[in-house]
Amino acid sequence: MTGRADVPPPEDTRLSSPSQRYGARLGRPTTAEALQQRVVERELATLQRGLGDLVADGSVLRAAQQVVAARRRVVAGAGKSYALAHLLSTDLGVGLSQVQLVDAASGRGLDVLTDVRTTDVLVAVSLRRYRPETASLARLFAERGGTVVALTDAADSPVAQVAATVITVPTTSASHVDSATAVVSVAHLLTTLSTASAKGARRRLAEREALSDQLALYTRETP
């Protein structure tokens, strides 16, 4: 990718809420076409920068190794981050066993913490504005011997402080809401790397497909 989308301007971290970002980014007169162009350029730049940095630092590769080696894989988040955690856990569960999704705000983290082993991994998804429930779950999980992987947007975010591996993804946006584009792409990358190196993944995928057909879970188009 080339052109104006190569390097996004630095994020103004003072714009910590959607209302502040709306005033700074969308409050001035503009056409829909100009706004669309600005958003698309920023999304392309954020995605390119995010994936490039992660390839260079190797954090996703390390996280995939930890996920594959685990006895149990827990994925957690709260608020908007829970939606991204749900996507990650759903895709991980297709190829790997013992994948559990936890809404950190629901109190179900207590069930997870009661049975933590040193062979367990928690992937904690936490984007600003950071929810304290996720940070508390990650801290206690690590204190009880589990391995924490942080999928976050800042190296100094609360979950990053207790993580063995930190995947830092940019969420820079031209919108009033932070972008999840690079986060979704990184979740996809982590899922692919983990499944590709997991023993039994091919057998599990085949069994799931057969069971899906028996349960008629999906509508298939006829030839």
C-alpha atoms as a PDB file:
ATOM      1  CA  MET A   1       0.000   0.000   0.000  1.00  0.00           C
ATOM      2  CA  THR A   2       1.279   3.429  -0.853  1.00  0.00           C
ATOM      3  CA  GLY A   3       0.210   7.035  -0.706  1.00  0.00           C
ATOM      4  CA  ARG A   4      -1.361   8.969   2.117  1.00  0.00           C
ATOM      5  CA  ALA A   5      -2.520   5.793   3.901  1.00  0.00           C
ATOM      6  CA  ASP A   6       1.038   4.607   4.586  1.00  0.00           C
ATOM      7  CA  VAL A   7       1.589   6.330   7.928  1.00  0.00           C
ATOM      8  CA  PRO A   8      -1.313   7.564  10.050  1.00  0.00           C
ATOM      9  CA  PRO A   9      -0.889  10.743  12.050  1.00  0.00           C
ATOM     10  CA  PRO A  10      -0.253  10.202  15.760  1.00  0.00           C
ATOM     11  CA  GLU A  11      -3.286   9.517  17.907  1.00  0.00           C
ATOM     12  CA  ASP A  12      -4.331  12.277  20.293  1.00  0.00           C
ATOM     13  CA  THR A  13      -4.601  10.252  23.500  1.00  0.00           C
ATOM     14  CA  ARG A  14      -6.396  13.149  25.195  1.00  0.00           C
ATOM     15  CA  LEU A  15      -9.482  12.247  23.183  1.00  0.00           C
ATOM     16  CA  SER A  16     -10.480   9.492  25.578  1.00  0.00           C
ATOM     17  CA  SER A  17     -14.247   9.405  25.021  1.00  0.00           C
ATOM     18  CA  PRO A  18     -16.478   9.107  21.936  1.00  0.00           C
ATOM     19  CA  SER A  19     -18.006  12.512  22.653  1.00  0.00           C
ATOM     20  CA  GLN A  20     -14.573  14.180  22.698  1.00  0.00           C
ATOM     21  CA  ARG A  21     -13.553  12.409  19.506  1.00  0.00           C
ATOM     22  CA  TYR A  22     -16.794  13.400  17.804  1.00  0.00           C
ATOM     23  CA  GLY A  23     -16.145  17.059  18.514  1.00  0.00           C
ATOM     24  CA  ALA A  24     -12.549  16.877  17.285  1.00  0.00           C
ATOM     25  CA  ARG A  25     -13.093  14.710  14.212  1.00  0.00           C
ATOM     26  CA  LEU A  26     -16.689  15.014  13.066  1.00  0.00           C
ATOM     27  CA  GLY A  27     -17.738  18.360  14.448  1.00  0.00           C
ATOM     28  CA  ARG A  28     -16.527  20.398  11.466  1.00  0.00           C
ATOM     29  CA  PRO A  29     -18.516  20.694   8.223  1.00  0.00           C
ATOM     30  CA  THR A  30     -17.585  18.147   5.570  1.00  0.00           C
ATOM     31  CA  THR A  31     -19.147  16.138   2.798  1.00  0.00           C
ATOM     32  CA  ALA A  32     -20.027  12.476   3.179  1.00  0.00           C
ATOM     33  CA  GLU A  33     -17.617  11.658   0.370  1.00  0.00           C
ATOM     34  CA  ALA A  34     -14.712  13.450   2.067  1.00  0.00           C
ATOM     35  CA  LEU A  35     -15.453  11.781   5.392  1.00  0.00           C
ATOM     36  CA  GLN A  36     -15.667   8.387   3.740  1.00  0.00           C
ATOM     37  CA  GLN A  37     -12.277   8.908   2.091  1.00  0.00           C
ATOM     38  CA  ARG A  38     -10.708  10.034   5.352  1.00  0.00           C
ATOM     39  CA  VAL A  39     -12.034   7.023   7.268  1.00  0.00           C
ATOM     40  CA  VAL A  40     -10.952   4.537   4.584  1.00  0.00           C
ATOM     41  CA  GLU A  41      -7.451   5.999   4.396  1.00  0.00           C
ATOM     42  CA  ARG A  42      -7.056   5.880   8.153  1.00  0.00           C
ATOM     43  CA  GLU A  43      -8.316   2.276   8.361  1.00  0.00           C
ATOM     44  CA  LEU A  44      -5.868   1.142   5.698  1.00  0.00           C
ATOM     45  CA  ALA A  45      -3.004   2.908   7.453  1.00  0.00           C
ATOM     46  CA  THR A  46      -3.906   1.504  10.862  1.00  0.00           C
ATOM     47  CA  LEU A  47      -4.147  -2.020   9.508  1.00  0.00           C
ATOM     48  CA  GLN A  48      -0.850  -1.809   7.651  1.00  0.00           C
ATOM     49  CA  ARG A  49       1.004  -0.348  10.603  1.00  0.00           C
ATOM     50  CA  GLY A  50      -0.531  -2.768  13.083  1.00  0.00           C
ATOM     51  CA  LEU A  51       0.204  -5.962  11.192  1.00  0.00           C
ATOM     52  CA  GLY A  52       3.665  -4.781  10.190  1.00  0.00           C
ATOM     53  CA  ASP A  53       4.659  -4.021  13.771  1.00  0.00           C
ATOM     54  CA  LEU A  54       3.348  -7.367  15.014  1.00  0.00           C
ATOM     55  CA  VAL A  55       5.242  -9.322  12.389  1.00  0.00           C
ATOM     56  CA  ALA A  56       8.386  -7.481  13.466  1.00  0.00           C
ATOM     57  CA  ASP A  57       8.014  -8.030  17.218  1.00  0.00           C
ATOM     58  CA  GLY A  58       6.848 -11.658  17.036  1.00  0.00           C
ATOM     59  CA  SER A  59       4.195 -11.254  19.748  1.00  0.00           C
ATOM     60  CA  VAL A  60       1.438 -13.051  17.841  1.00  0.00           C
ATOM     61  CA  LEU A  61       3.742 -15.995  17.148  1.00  0.00           C
ATOM     62  CA  ARG A  62       4.577 -16.246  20.855  1.00  0.00           C
ATOM     63  CA  ALA A  63       0.922 -16.008  21.811  1.00  0.00           C
ATOM     64  CA  ALA A  64      -0.027 -18.752  19.361  1.00  0.00           C
ATOM     65  CA  GLN A  65       2.588 -21.053  20.870  1.00  0.00           C
ATOM     66  CA  GLN A  66       1.201 -20.411  24.336  1.00  0.00           C
ATOM     67  CA  VAL A  67      -2.382 -20.992  23.218  1.00  0.00           C
ATOM     68  CA  VAL A  68      -1.509 -24.281  21.507  1.00  0.00           C
ATOM     69  CA  ALA A  69       0.501 -25.569  24.479  1.00  0.00           C
ATOM     70  CA  ALA A  70      -2.270 -24.844  26.991  1.00  0.00           C
ATOM     71  CA  ARG A  71      -4.504 -27.382  28.691  1.00  0.00           C
ATOM     72  CA  ARG A  72      -7.359 -24.887  28.789  1.00  0.00           C
ATOM     73  CA  ARG A  73      -7.803 -21.665  26.818  1.00  0.00           C
ATOM     74  CA  VAL A  74      -9.899 -18.882  28.292  1.00  0.00           C
ATOM     75  CA  VAL A  75     -10.808 -15.780  26.294  1.00  0.00           C
ATOM     76  CA  ALA A  76     -12.223 -12.832  28.220  1.00  0.00           C
ATOM     77  CA  GLY A  77     -13.310  -9.244  27.728  1.00  0.00           C
ATOM     78  CA  ALA A  78     -15.943  -6.773  28.847  1.00  0.00           C
ATOM     79  CA  GLY A  79     -18.053  -4.180  27.072  1.00  0.00           C
ATOM     80  CA  LYS A  80     -16.998  -3.618  23.468  1.00  0.00           C
ATOM     81  CA  SER A  81     -13.961  -5.820  24.033  1.00  0.00           C
ATOM     82  CA  TYR A  82     -16.266  -8.729  24.871  1.00  0.00           C
ATOM     83  CA  ALA A  83     -17.627  -8.700  21.330  1.00  0.00           C
ATOM     84  CA  LEU A  84     -14.081  -9.087  20.005  1.00  0.00           C
ATOM     85  CA  ALA A  85     -13.323 -11.778  22.600  1.00  0.00           C
ATOM     86  CA  HIS A  86     -16.440 -13.630  21.432  1.00  0.00           C
ATOM     87  CA  LEU A  87     -15.203 -13.590  17.840  1.00  0.00           C
ATOM     88  CA  LEU A  88     -11.749 -14.827  18.844  1.00  0.00           C
ATOM     89  CA  SER A  89     -13.057 -17.631  21.052  1.00  0.00           C
ATOM     90  CA  THR A  90     -15.528 -18.786  18.397  1.00  0.00           C
ATOM     91  CA  ASP A  91     -12.817 -19.088  15.768  1.00  0.00           C
ATOM     92  CA  LEU A  92     -10.315 -20.693  18.153  1.00  0.00           C
ATOM     93  CA  GLY A  93     -12.890 -23.269  19.222  1.00  0.00           C
ATOM     94  CA  VAL A  94     -13.289 -24.523  15.678  1.00  0.00           C
ATOM     95  CA  GLY A  95      -9.812 -26.023  15.621  1.00  0.00           C
ATOM     96  CA  LEU A  96      -8.874 -26.328  19.306  1.00  0.00           C
ATOM     97  CA  SER A  97     -10.547 -27.994  22.262  1.00  0.00           C
ATOM     98  CA  GLN A  98     -11.040 -26.544  25.747  1.00  0.00           C
ATOM     99  CA  VAL A  99     -11.769 -22.982  24.633  1.00  0.00           C
ATOM    100  CA  GLN A 100     -13.926 -21.026  27.083  1.00  0.00           C
ATOM    101  CA  LEU A 101     -15.388 -17.549  26.637  1.00  0.00           C
ATOM    102  CA  VAL A 102     -15.900 -15.392  29.730  1.00  0.00           C
ATOM    103  CA  ASP A 103     -17.607 -12.030  30.020  1.00  0.00           C
ATOM    104  CA  ALA A 104     -15.357 -10.468  32.639  1.00  0.00           C
ATOM    105  CA  ALA A 105     -18.198  -8.221  33.790  1.00  0.00           C
ATOM    106  CA  SER A 106     -20.564 -11.121  34.513  1.00  0.00           C
ATOM    107  CA  GLY A 107     -18.779 -12.548  37.542  1.00  0.00           C
ATOM    108  CA  ARG A 108     -18.221 -15.871  35.763  1.00  0.00           C
ATOM    109  CA  GLY A 109     -14.498 -15.282  36.014  1.00  0.00           C
ATOM    110  CA  LEU A 110     -14.772 -16.730  39.515  1.00  0.00           C
ATOM    111  CA  ASP A 111     -15.412 -20.155  37.987  1.00  0.00           C
ATOM    112  CA  VAL A 112     -12.270 -19.823  35.885  1.00  0.00           C
ATOM    113  CA  LEU A 113     -10.082 -18.639  38.753  1.00  0.00           C
ATOM    114  CA  THR A 114     -11.171 -21.489  41.025  1.00  0.00           C
ATOM    115  CA  ASP A 115      -9.539 -24.051  38.749  1.00  0.00           C
ATOM    116  CA  VAL A 116      -6.482 -22.284  37.285  1.00  0.00           C
ATOM    117  CA  ARG A 117      -3.495 -24.487  36.473  1.00  0.00           C
ATOM    118  CA  THR A 118      -0.033 -23.503  35.300  1.00  0.00           C
ATOM    119  CA  THR A 119      -0.920 -25.044  31.940  1.00  0.00           C
ATOM    120  CA  ASP A 120      -3.875 -22.670  31.411  1.00  0.00           C
ATOM    121  CA  VAL A 121      -3.847 -19.564  29.201  1.00  0.00           C
ATOM    122  CA  LEU A 122      -6.062 -16.497  29.425  1.00  0.00           C
ATOM    123  CA  VAL A 123      -6.325 -14.261  26.372  1.00  0.00           C
ATOM    124  CA  ALA A 124      -7.557 -10.982  27.831  1.00  0.00           C
ATOM    125  CA  VAL A 125      -9.002  -8.558  25.288  1.00  0.00           C
ATOM    126  CA  SER A 126      -8.968  -5.037  26.687  1.00  0.00           C
ATOM    127  CA  LEU A 127      -9.279  -1.819  24.693  1.00  0.00           C
ATOM    128  CA  ARG A 128      -9.780   1.709  25.969  1.00  0.00           C
ATOM    129  CA  ARG A 129     -11.726   2.773  27.896  1.00  0.00           C
ATOM    130  CA  TYR A 130     -10.408  -0.135  29.950  1.00  0.00           C
ATOM    131  CA  ARG A 131     -12.831  -2.140  32.057  1.00  0.00           C
ATOM    132  CA  PRO A 132     -11.491  -2.953  35.545  1.00  0.00           C
ATOM    133  CA  GLU A 133     -13.138  -6.381  35.559  1.00  0.00           C
ATOM    134  CA  THR A 134     -10.859  -7.637  32.802  1.00  0.00           C
ATOM    135  CA  ALA A 135      -7.741  -6.293  34.496  1.00  0.00           C
ATOM    136  CA  SER A 136      -8.721  -7.905  37.804  1.00  0.00           C
ATOM    137  CA  LEU A 137      -9.407 -11.256  36.154  1.00  0.00           C
ATOM    138  CA  ALA A 138      -6.056 -11.150  34.349  1.00  0.00           C
ATOM    139  CA  ARG A 139      -4.145 -10.202  37.510  1.00  0.00           C
ATOM    140  CA  LEU A 140      -5.664 -12.994  39.604  1.00  0.00           C
ATOM    141  CA  PHE A 141      -5.251 -15.510  36.791  1.00  0.00           C
ATOM    142  CA  ALA A 142      -1.531 -14.728  36.635  1.00  0.00           C
ATOM    143  CA  GLU A 143      -1.163 -14.768  40.424  1.00  0.00           C
ATOM    144  CA  ARG A 144      -2.672 -18.265  40.504  1.00  0.00           C
ATOM    145  CA  GLY A 145      -0.083 -19.537  38.038  1.00  0.00           C
ATOM    146  CA  GLY A 146      -1.801 -19.183  34.682  1.00  0.00           C
ATOM    147  CA  THR A 147      -0.328 -17.510  31.614  1.00  0.00           C
ATOM    148  CA  VAL A 148      -1.916 -14.261  30.450  1.00  0.00           C
ATOM    149  CA  VAL A 149      -1.855 -13.053  26.849  1.00  0.00           C
ATOM    150  CA  ALA A 150      -3.007  -9.443  26.520  1.00  0.00           C
ATOM    151  CA  LEU A 151      -4.680  -8.324  23.299  1.00  0.00           C
ATOM    152  CA  THR A 152      -4.772  -4.588  23.859  1.00  0.00           C
ATOM    153  CA  ASP A 153      -4.168  -1.180  22.313  1.00  0.00           C
ATOM    154  CA  ALA A 154      -1.380   0.153  24.548  1.00  0.00           C
ATOM    155  CA  ALA A 155       1.754  -1.340  26.050  1.00  0.00           C
ATOM    156  CA  ASP A 156       0.911   0.272  29.395  1.00  0.00           C
ATOM    157  CA  SER A 157      -2.751  -0.773  29.541  1.00  0.00           C
ATOM    158  CA  PRO A 158      -3.892  -2.472  32.780  1.00  0.00           C
ATOM    159  CA  VAL A 159      -3.905  -6.015  31.370  1.00  0.00           C
ATOM    160  CA  ALA A 160      -0.467  -5.557  29.832  1.00  0.00           C
ATOM    161  CA  GLN A 161       1.044  -5.126  33.293  1.00  0.00           C
ATOM    162  CA  VAL A 162       0.408  -8.785  34.206  1.00  0.00           C
ATOM    163  CA  ALA A 163       0.727 -10.443  30.798  1.00  0.00           C
ATOM    164  CA  ALA A 164       3.453 -12.834  29.740  1.00  0.00           C
ATOM    165  CA  THR A 165       2.858 -11.793  26.138  1.00  0.00           C
ATOM    166  CA  VAL A 166       1.417  -8.458  25.035  1.00  0.00           C
ATOM    167  CA  ILE A 167      -0.074  -8.035  21.569  1.00  0.00           C
ATOM    168  CA  THR A 168      -0.391  -4.292  21.050  1.00  0.00           C
ATOM    169  CA  VAL A 169      -2.763  -3.337  18.247  1.00  0.00           C
ATOM    170  CA  PRO A 170      -3.376   0.227  17.030  1.00  0.00           C
ATOM    171  CA  THR A 171      -6.971   1.428  17.049  1.00  0.00           C
ATOM    172  CA  THR A 172      -6.338   4.848  15.495  1.00  0.00           C
ATOM    173  CA  SER A 173      -9.448   6.108  13.725  1.00  0.00           C
ATOM    174  CA  ALA A 174     -10.938   9.055  11.905  1.00  0.00           C
ATOM    175  CA  SER A 175     -14.243   8.300  13.592  1.00  0.00           C
ATOM    176  CA  HIS A 176     -15.687   9.073  17.002  1.00  0.00           C
ATOM    177  CA  VAL A 177     -15.174   5.395  17.906  1.00  0.00           C
ATOM    178  CA  ASP A 178     -11.810   3.639  17.984  1.00  0.00           C
ATOM    179  CA  SER A 179     -11.191   1.270  15.116  1.00  0.00           C
ATOM    180  CA  ALA A 180     -11.450  -2.489  15.606  1.00  0.00           C
ATOM    181  CA  THR A 181     -10.150  -3.286  12.113  1.00  0.00           C
ATOM    182  CA  ALA A 182      -6.622  -4.240  13.148  1.00  0.00           C
ATOM    183  CA  VAL A 183      -7.897  -6.034  16.268  1.00  0.00           C
ATOM    184  CA  VAL A 184     -10.118  -8.307  14.189  1.00  0.00           C
ATOM    185  CA  SER A 185      -7.264  -8.983  11.765  1.00  0.00           C
ATOM    186  CA  VAL A 186      -4.911  -9.891  14.619  1.00  0.00           C
ATOM    187  CA  ALA A 187      -7.528 -12.204  16.125  1.00  0.00           C
ATOM    188  CA  HIS A 188      -7.782 -13.869  12.718  1.00  0.00           C
ATOM    189  CA  LEU A 189      -4.000 -14.208  12.543  1.00  0.00           C
ATOM    190  CA  LEU A 190      -3.768 -15.641  16.054  1.00  0.00           C
ATOM    191  CA  THR A 191      -6.506 -18.159  15.290  1.00  0.00           C
ATOM    192  CA  THR A 192      -4.847 -19.259  12.058  1.00  0.00           C
ATOM    193  CA  LEU A 193      -1.400 -19.711  13.587  1.00  0.00           C
ATOM    194  CA  SER A 194      -2.797 -21.580  16.600  1.00  0.00           C
ATOM    195  CA  THR A 195      -4.972 -23.938  14.555  1.00  0.00           C
ATOM    196  CA  ALA A 196      -2.259 -24.652  12.002  1.00  0.00           C
ATOM    197  CA  SER A 197       0.121 -25.954  14.686  1.00  0.00           C
ATOM    198  CA  ALA A 198      -2.412 -27.727  16.920  1.00  0.00           C
ATOM    199  CA  LYS A 199      -2.358 -31.516  16.938  1.00  0.00           C
ATOM    200  CA  GLY A 200      -5.690 -32.991  15.983  1.00  0.00           C
ATOM    201  CA  ALA A 201      -7.012 -29.795  14.431  1.00  0.00           C
ATOM    202  CA  ARG A 202      -7.770 -31.451  11.087  1.00  0.00           C
ATOM    203  CA  ARG A 203      -9.645 -34.303  12.770  1.00  0.00           C
ATOM    204  CA  ARG A 204     -11.584 -31.847  14.933  1.00  0.00           C
ATOM    205  CA  LEU A 205     -12.534 -29.751  11.915  1.00  0.00           C
ATOM    206  CA  ALA A 206     -13.786 -32.825  10.054  1.00  0.00           C
ATOM    207  CA  GLU A 207     -15.810 -34.021  13.044  1.00  0.00           C
ATOM    208  CA  ARG A 208     -17.379 -30.601  13.516  1.00  0.00           C
ATOM    209  CA  GLU A 209     -18.353 -30.476   9.863  1.00  0.00           C
ATOM    210  CA  ALA A 210     -20.008 -33.885  10.047  1.00  0.00           C
ATOM    211  CA  LEU A 211     -21.878 -32.985  13.222  1.00  0.00           C
ATOM    212  CA  SER A 212     -22.959 -29.657  11.761  1.00  0.00           C
ATOM    213  CA  ASP A 213     -24.517 -31.510   8.850  1.00  0.00           C
ATOM    214  CA  GLN A 214     -26.343 -33.910  11.181  1.00  0.00           C
ATOM    215  CA  LEU A 215     -27.675 -31.022  13.256  1.00  0.00           C
ATOM    216  CA  ALA A 216     -28.573 -29.027  10.138  1.00  0.00           C
ATOM    217  CA  LEU A 217     -26.871 -25.968  11.614  1.00  0.00           C
ATOM    218  CA  TYR A 218     -26.289 -24.202   8.328  1.00  0.00           C
ATOM    219  CA  THR A 219     -28.332 -23.531   5.218  1.00  0.00           C
ATOM    220  CA  ARG A 220     -26.534 -24.755   2.140  1.00  0.00           C
ATOM    221  CA  GLU A 221     -27.262 -23.612  -1.379  1.00  0.00           C
ATOM    222  CA  THR A 222     -28.145 -26.417  -3.765  1.00  0.00           C
ATOM    223  CA  PRO A 223     -25.989 -26.715  -6.897  1.00  0.00           C
END
